[in-house]
C-alpha atoms as a PDB file:
ATOM      1  CA  GLU A   1     -48.991 232.530  69.249  1.00  0.00           C
ATOM      2  CA  GLU A   2     -45.963 232.754  68.549  1.00  0.00           C
ATOM      3  CA  GLU A   3     -44.688 233.537  72.014  1.00  0.00           C
ATOM      4  CA  THR A   4     -46.087 230.145  72.945  1.00  0.00           C
ATOM      5  CA  TRP A   5     -43.977 228.117  70.370  1.00  0.00           C
ATOM      6  CA  LEU A   6     -41.041 230.180  71.188  1.00  0.00           C
ATOM      7  CA  GLN A   7     -41.284 229.091  74.961  1.00  0.00           C
ATOM      8  CA  CYS A   8     -42.105 224.972  73.688  1.00  0.00           C
ATOM      9  CA  ARG A   9     -39.125 225.584  71.308  1.00  0.00           C
ATOM     10  CA  GLY A  10     -36.915 226.209  74.306  1.00  0.00           C
ATOM     11  CA  VAL A  11     -38.469 223.853  76.574  1.00  0.00           C
ATOM     12  CA  LEU A  12     -37.884 221.254  73.841  1.00  0.00           C
ATOM     13  CA  LEU A  13     -34.323 222.298  73.187  1.00  0.00           C
ATOM     14  CA  LEU A  14     -33.475 221.955  77.196  1.00  0.00           C
ATOM     15  CA  GLY A  15     -34.803 219.162  77.627  1.00  0.00           C
ATOM     16  CA  LEU A  16     -32.698 217.599  74.503  1.00  0.00           C
ATOM     17  CA  GLU A  17     -29.756 219.439  76.324  1.00  0.00           C
ATOM     18  CA  ALA A  18     -30.614 217.738  79.653  1.00  0.00           C
ATOM     19  CA  ALA A  19     -31.046 214.306  77.978  1.00  0.00           C
ATOM     20  CA  ILE A  20     -27.187 214.763  76.042  1.00  0.00           C
ATOM     21  CA  ASN A  21     -25.951 215.485  79.579  1.00  0.00           C
ATOM     22  CA  SER A  22     -27.573 212.766  80.797  1.00  0.00           C
ATOM     23  CA  ARG A  23     -26.605 210.055  78.240  1.00  0.00           C
ATOM     24  CA  ASP A  24     -29.295 207.886  79.515  1.00  0.00           C
ATOM     25  CA  ILE A  25     -31.217 205.965  76.437  1.00  0.00           C
ATOM     26  CA  ASP A  26     -34.761 206.188  77.928  1.00  0.00           C
ATOM     27  CA  GLN A  27     -34.561 209.789  78.304  1.00  0.00           C
ATOM     28  CA  LEU A  28     -32.418 210.667  75.222  1.00  0.00           C
ATOM     29  CA  GLN A  29     -35.479 208.784  73.396  1.00  0.00           C
ATOM     30  CA  ALA A  30     -38.131 210.463  75.147  1.00  0.00           C
ATOM     31  CA  ALA A  31     -36.317 214.145  74.406  1.00  0.00           C
ATOM     32  CA  ILE A  32     -35.870 213.118  70.360  1.00  0.00           C
ATOM     33  CA  GLY A  33     -39.561 211.827  70.101  1.00  0.00           C
ATOM     34  CA  GLU A  34     -40.725 215.173  72.068  1.00  0.00           C
ATOM     35  CA  ALA A  35     -38.731 217.394  69.316  1.00  0.00           C
ATOM     36  CA  GLN A  36     -40.007 215.489  66.137  1.00  0.00           C
ATOM     37  CA  SER A  37     -43.626 215.929  67.664  1.00  0.00           C
ATOM     38  CA  GLY A  38     -42.835 219.246  68.653  1.00  0.00           C
ATOM     39  CA  ALA A  39     -41.676 220.353  65.124  1.00  0.00           C
ATOM     40  CA  LEU A  40     -37.997 220.770  65.940  1.00  0.00           C
ATOM     41  CA  GLU A  41     -36.056 220.616  62.747  1.00  0.00           C
ATOM     42  CA  SER A  42     -33.556 217.757  62.583  1.00  0.00           C
ATOM     43  CA  THR A  43     -30.337 219.670  62.875  1.00  0.00           C
ATOM     44  CA  GLU A  44     -31.730 221.024  66.335  1.00  0.00           C
ATOM     45  CA  TYR A  45     -32.207 217.228  67.838  1.00  0.00           C
ATOM     46  CA  ALA A  46     -29.064 215.719  65.262  1.00  0.00           C
ATOM     47  CA  ALA A  47     -26.713 215.487  68.697  1.00  0.00           C
ATOM     48  CA  ALA A  48     -29.029 214.001  70.488  1.00  0.00           C
ATOM     49  CA  GLU A  49     -29.409 211.591  67.836  1.00  0.00           C
ATOM     50  CA  GLU A  50     -25.436 210.996  68.179  1.00  0.00           C
ATOM     51  CA  VAL A  51     -25.074 210.522  71.888  1.00  0.00           C
ATOM     52  CA  LEU A  52     -28.082 208.090  71.558  1.00  0.00           C
ATOM     53  CA  SER A  53     -26.406 206.175  68.920  1.00  0.00           C
ATOM     54  CA  GLN A  54     -23.228 205.720  70.979  1.00  0.00           C
ATOM     55  CA  GLU A  55     -24.995 204.954  73.923  1.00  0.00           C
ATOM     56  CA  LEU A  56     -26.739 202.055  72.168  1.00  0.00           C
ATOM     57  CA  ARG A  57     -23.792 201.110  70.725  1.00  0.00           C
ATOM     58  CA  LYS A  58     -22.113 200.805  74.647  1.00  0.00           C
ATOM     59  CA  GLY A  59     -24.902 199.119  75.660  1.00  0.00           C
ATOM     60  CA  GLN A  60     -24.452 196.520  73.063  1.00  0.00           C
ATOM     61  CA  ALA A  61     -21.262 196.277  73.630  1.00  0.00           C
ATOM     62  CA  ARG A  62     -21.596 195.693  77.416  1.00  0.00           C
ATOM     63  CA  ARG A  63     -24.031 192.998  76.556  1.00  0.00           C
ATOM     64  CA  GLN A  64     -21.448 191.237  74.042  1.00  0.00           C
ATOM     65  CA  LEU A  65     -18.748 191.721  76.913  1.00  0.00           C
ATOM     66  CA  ALA A  66     -21.223 189.928  79.601  1.00  0.00           C
ATOM     67  CA  LEU A  67     -21.989 186.682  76.944  1.00  0.00           C
ATOM     68  CA  ALA A  68     -18.346 186.540  76.097  1.00  0.00           C
ATOM     69  CA  SER A  69     -17.368 186.554  79.611  1.00  0.00           C
ATOM     70  CA  ALA A  70     -19.730 183.721  80.723  1.00  0.00           C
ATOM     71  CA  SER A  71     -19.007 182.145  77.977  1.00  0.00           C
ATOM     72  CA  GLY A  72     -15.545 181.230  78.302  1.00  0.00           C
ATOM     73  CA  ASP A  73     -14.061 181.739  75.099  1.00  0.00           C
ATOM     74  CA  VAL A  74     -11.586 183.997  74.892  1.00  0.00           C
ATOM     75  CA  SER A  75     -11.651 184.139  71.287  1.00  0.00           C
ATOM     76  CA  GLN A  76     -15.096 185.577  71.548  1.00  0.00           C
ATOM     77  CA  LEU A  77     -14.061 187.784  74.566  1.00  0.00           C
ATOM     78  CA  SER A  78     -11.150 189.370  72.665  1.00  0.00           C
ATOM     79  CA  ALA A  79     -13.639 190.249  69.702  1.00  0.00           C
ATOM     80  CA  ALA A  80     -16.416 191.533  72.049  1.00  0.00           C
ATOM     81  CA  ILE A  81     -13.356 193.718  73.994  1.00  0.00           C
ATOM     82  CA  SER A  82     -12.111 195.073  70.925  1.00  0.00           C
ATOM     83  CA  GLU A  83     -15.857 196.328  70.114  1.00  0.00           C
ATOM     84  CA  ALA A  84     -16.416 197.672  73.479  1.00  0.00           C
ATOM     85  CA  GLU A  85     -13.279 199.613  72.614  1.00  0.00           C
ATOM     86  CA  ALA A  86     -14.641 200.904  69.398  1.00  0.00           C
ATOM     87  CA  ALA A  87     -17.590 201.785  71.066  1.00  0.00           C
ATOM     88  CA  GLU A  88     -15.142 204.019  73.261  1.00  0.00           C
ATOM     89  CA  LEU A  89     -16.774 201.783  76.274  1.00  0.00           C
ATOM     90  CA  ARG A  90     -15.014 202.620  79.656  1.00  0.00           C
ATOM     91  CA  GLY A  91     -14.935 200.714  82.978  1.00  0.00           C
ATOM     92  CA  GLU A  92     -14.642 197.830  85.290  1.00  0.00           C
ATOM     93  CA  GLU A  93     -16.241 195.506  83.091  1.00  0.00           C
ATOM     94  CA  LEU A  94     -13.801 196.105  79.928  1.00  0.00           C
ATOM     95  CA  ASP A  95     -11.035 195.962  82.449  1.00  0.00           C
ATOM     96  CA  ALA A  96     -12.178 192.643  84.129  1.00  0.00           C
ATOM     97  CA  ALA A  97     -12.404 191.215  80.320  1.00  0.00           C
ATOM     98  CA  ARG A  98      -9.015 192.370  79.281  1.00  0.00           C
ATOM     99  CA  ARG A  99      -7.615 190.653  82.654  1.00  0.00           C
ATOM    100  CA  THR A 100      -9.379 187.492  81.903  1.00  0.00           C
ATOM    101  CA  VAL A 101      -7.951 187.700  78.636  1.00  0.00           C
ATOM    102  CA  GLU A 102      -4.466 188.339  80.182  1.00  0.00           C
ATOM    103  CA  GLU A 103      -4.680 185.586  82.413  1.00  0.00           C
ATOM    104  CA  PHE A 104      -5.518 183.492  79.865  1.00  0.00           C
ATOM    105  CA  GLU A 105      -2.556 183.977  77.570  1.00  0.00           C
ATOM    106  CA  LYS A 106      -0.194 183.989  80.527  1.00  0.00           C
ATOM    107  CA  GLN A 107      -1.453 180.187  81.548  1.00  0.00           C
ATOM    108  CA  MET A 108      -1.265 179.598  77.521  1.00  0.00           C
ATOM    109  CA  ALA A 109       2.662 180.346  78.325  1.00  0.00           C
ATOM    110  CA  LEU A 110       2.967 178.787  80.940  1.00  0.00           C
ATOM    111  CA  LYS A 111       1.396 175.246  79.353  1.00  0.00           C
ATOM    112  CA  VAL A 112       3.690 175.743  76.400  1.00  0.00           C
ATOM    113  CA  ALA A 113       6.573 176.010  78.867  1.00  0.00           C
ATOM    114  CA  ALA A 114       5.717 173.115  80.812  1.00  0.00           C
ATOM    115  CA  LYS A 115       5.065 171.467  77.342  1.00  0.00           C
ATOM    116  CA  ALA A 116       8.492 172.278  76.028  1.00  0.00           C
ATOM    117  CA  SER A 117      10.469 171.232  79.327  1.00  0.00           C
ATOM    118  CA  LEU A 118       8.772 167.961  79.684  1.00  0.00           C
ATOM    119  CA  ASP A 119       9.525 167.106  75.888  1.00  0.00           C
ATOM    120  CA  ALA A 120      12.958 168.053  76.113  1.00  0.00           C
ATOM    121  CA  ALA A 121      13.163 165.798  79.645  1.00  0.00           C
ATOM    122  CA  VAL A 122      11.853 162.753  77.663  1.00  0.00           C
ATOM    123  CA  HIS A 123      14.348 163.085  75.249  1.00  0.00           C
ATOM    124  CA  CYS A 124      17.053 163.485  77.601  1.00  0.00           C
ATOM    125  CA  ARG A 125      15.771 160.784  80.133  1.00  0.00           C
ATOM    126  CA  SER A 126      17.050 162.206  83.189  1.00  0.00           C
ATOM    127  CA  ILE A 127      15.199 161.522  86.352  1.00  0.00           C
ATOM    128  CA  GLY A 128      15.536 164.843  88.197  1.00  0.00           C
ATOM    129  CA  GLN A 129      14.499 166.514  85.146  1.00  0.00           C
ATOM    130  CA  LEU A 130      11.934 164.463  84.784  1.00  0.00           C
ATOM    131  CA  GLU A 131      10.760 164.736  88.171  1.00  0.00           C
ATOM    132  CA  ALA A 132      10.844 168.587  87.747  1.00  0.00           C
ATOM    133  CA  ALA A 133       9.589 168.843  84.525  1.00  0.00           C
ATOM    134  CA  LEU A 134       5.977 166.508  85.944  1.00  0.00           C
ATOM    135  CA  THR A 135       6.008 168.717  88.322  1.00  0.00           C
ATOM    136  CA  GLN A 136       5.891 171.840  86.518  1.00  0.00           C
ATOM    137  CA  ALA A 137       3.607 170.204  84.053  1.00  0.00           C
ATOM    138  CA  ILE A 138       1.448 169.459  86.695  1.00  0.00           C
ATOM    139  CA  GLU A 139       0.852 173.065  88.031  1.00  0.00           C
ATOM    140  CA  ALA A 140       0.759 174.082  84.355  1.00  0.00           C
ATOM    141  CA  GLY A 141      -2.686 172.078  83.962  1.00  0.00           C
ATOM    142  CA  ILE A 142      -0.712 169.784  81.418  1.00  0.00           C
ATOM    143  CA  SER A 143      -3.394 166.961  80.255  1.00  0.00           C
ATOM    144  CA  ASP A 144      -2.679 163.308  81.684  1.00  0.00           C
ATOM    145  CA  GLU A 145      -2.131 162.459  78.343  1.00  0.00           C
ATOM    146  CA  ASP A 146       1.040 164.488  77.867  1.00  0.00           C
ATOM    147  CA  LEU A 147       1.953 163.613  81.009  1.00  0.00           C
ATOM    148  CA  ALA A 148       1.705 159.573  80.629  1.00  0.00           C
ATOM    149  CA  VAL A 149       4.712 159.445  78.305  1.00  0.00           C
ATOM    150  CA  ALA A 150       7.261 162.000  80.936  1.00  0.00           C
ATOM    151  CA  ARG A 151       5.437 159.366  83.444  1.00  0.00           C
ATOM    152  CA  ASN A 152       6.530 156.465  81.295  1.00  0.00           C
ATOM    153  CA  ALA A 153      10.220 157.429  80.783  1.00  0.00           C
ATOM    154  CA  LEU A 154      10.847 158.261  84.322  1.00  0.00           C
ATOM    155  CA  GLU A 155       9.535 154.862  85.776  1.00  0.00           C
ATOM    156  CA  GLU A 156      11.695 153.124  82.699  1.00  0.00           C
ATOM    157  CA  GLU A 157      14.574 155.417  84.313  1.00  0.00           C
ATOM    158  CA  ARG A 158      14.107 154.781  87.531  1.00  0.00           C
ATOM    159  CA  GLY A 159      13.939 151.035  86.824  1.00  0.00           C
ATOM    160  CA  LYS A 160      17.300 151.148  84.785  1.00  0.00           C
ATOM    161  CA  LEU A 161      18.425 152.651  87.947  1.00  0.00           C
ATOM    162  CA  ALA A 162      17.312 150.229  90.440  1.00  0.00           C
ATOM    163  CA  ALA A 163      18.983 147.850  87.825  1.00  0.00           C
ATOM    164  CA  ARG A 164      22.621 149.535  87.994  1.00  0.00           C
ATOM    165  CA  GLN A 165      22.160 150.309  91.678  1.00  0.00           C
ATOM    166  CA  SER A 166      21.778 146.082  92.374  1.00  0.00           C
ATOM    167  CA  LEU A 167      24.450 145.405  89.670  1.00  0.00           C
ATOM    168  CA  VAL A 168      26.984 147.427  91.544  1.00  0.00           C
ATOM    169  CA  ALA A 169      26.245 146.064  94.916  1.00  0.00           C
ATOM    170  CA  ALA A 170      26.044 142.634  93.701  1.00  0.00           C
ATOM    171  CA  ILE A 171      29.649 143.230  91.708  1.00  0.00           C
ATOM    172  CA  SER A 172      31.023 145.108  95.224  1.00  0.00           C
ATOM    173  CA  SER A 173      29.741 141.780  96.957  1.00  0.00           C
ATOM    174  CA  ARG A 174      31.592 139.451  94.781  1.00  0.00           C
ATOM    175  CA  ASP A 175      28.407 137.476  95.042  1.00  0.00           C
ATOM    176  CA  ILE A 176      27.367 134.978  92.325  1.00  0.00           C
ATOM    177  CA  ASP A 177      23.723 134.378  93.034  1.00  0.00           C
ATOM    178  CA  GLN A 178      23.119 137.862  93.070  1.00  0.00           C
ATOM    179  CA  LEU A 179      25.300 138.378  90.108  1.00  0.00           C
ATOM    180  CA  GLN A 180      23.380 135.958  88.366  1.00  0.00           C
ATOM    181  CA  ALA A 181      19.663 137.740  89.335  1.00  0.00           C
END
């Protein structure tokens, strides 16, 4: 009878080892359950419980990454990345999430720079600078509301330029009627 128990114990230990090596949640749960019902000491299946805990945490981290990625919320995605890193998750899904956050941060930096250029161009009122800043701002995805101020300033400056050119032409022609217009 003791020989049978030793054989059973050996089978259970082999099952635990295989489950640990596979890192498969279902296999780990089954092996732990069999070890518990087979009267193994808790110390004999503690390693399998630890691996199961790690894999469950990784699974939760994967789900959080997927939900955060789908939400488009970068702060939620950053938190999910931190949790995934803490769970020692590796692979493409984590790399893709990191790239998404990096791309968002890059886009935000472009928007900040474009907004600063736009504000500076509105302040100095140079037509060339306004045109360049508007192009940069449109490419960066600046809102129409922020663009409106610069567009208005550009139109005002173009109007002033046209008026100056008309005045210069009238003065050059010495035409009284043109000067009065």
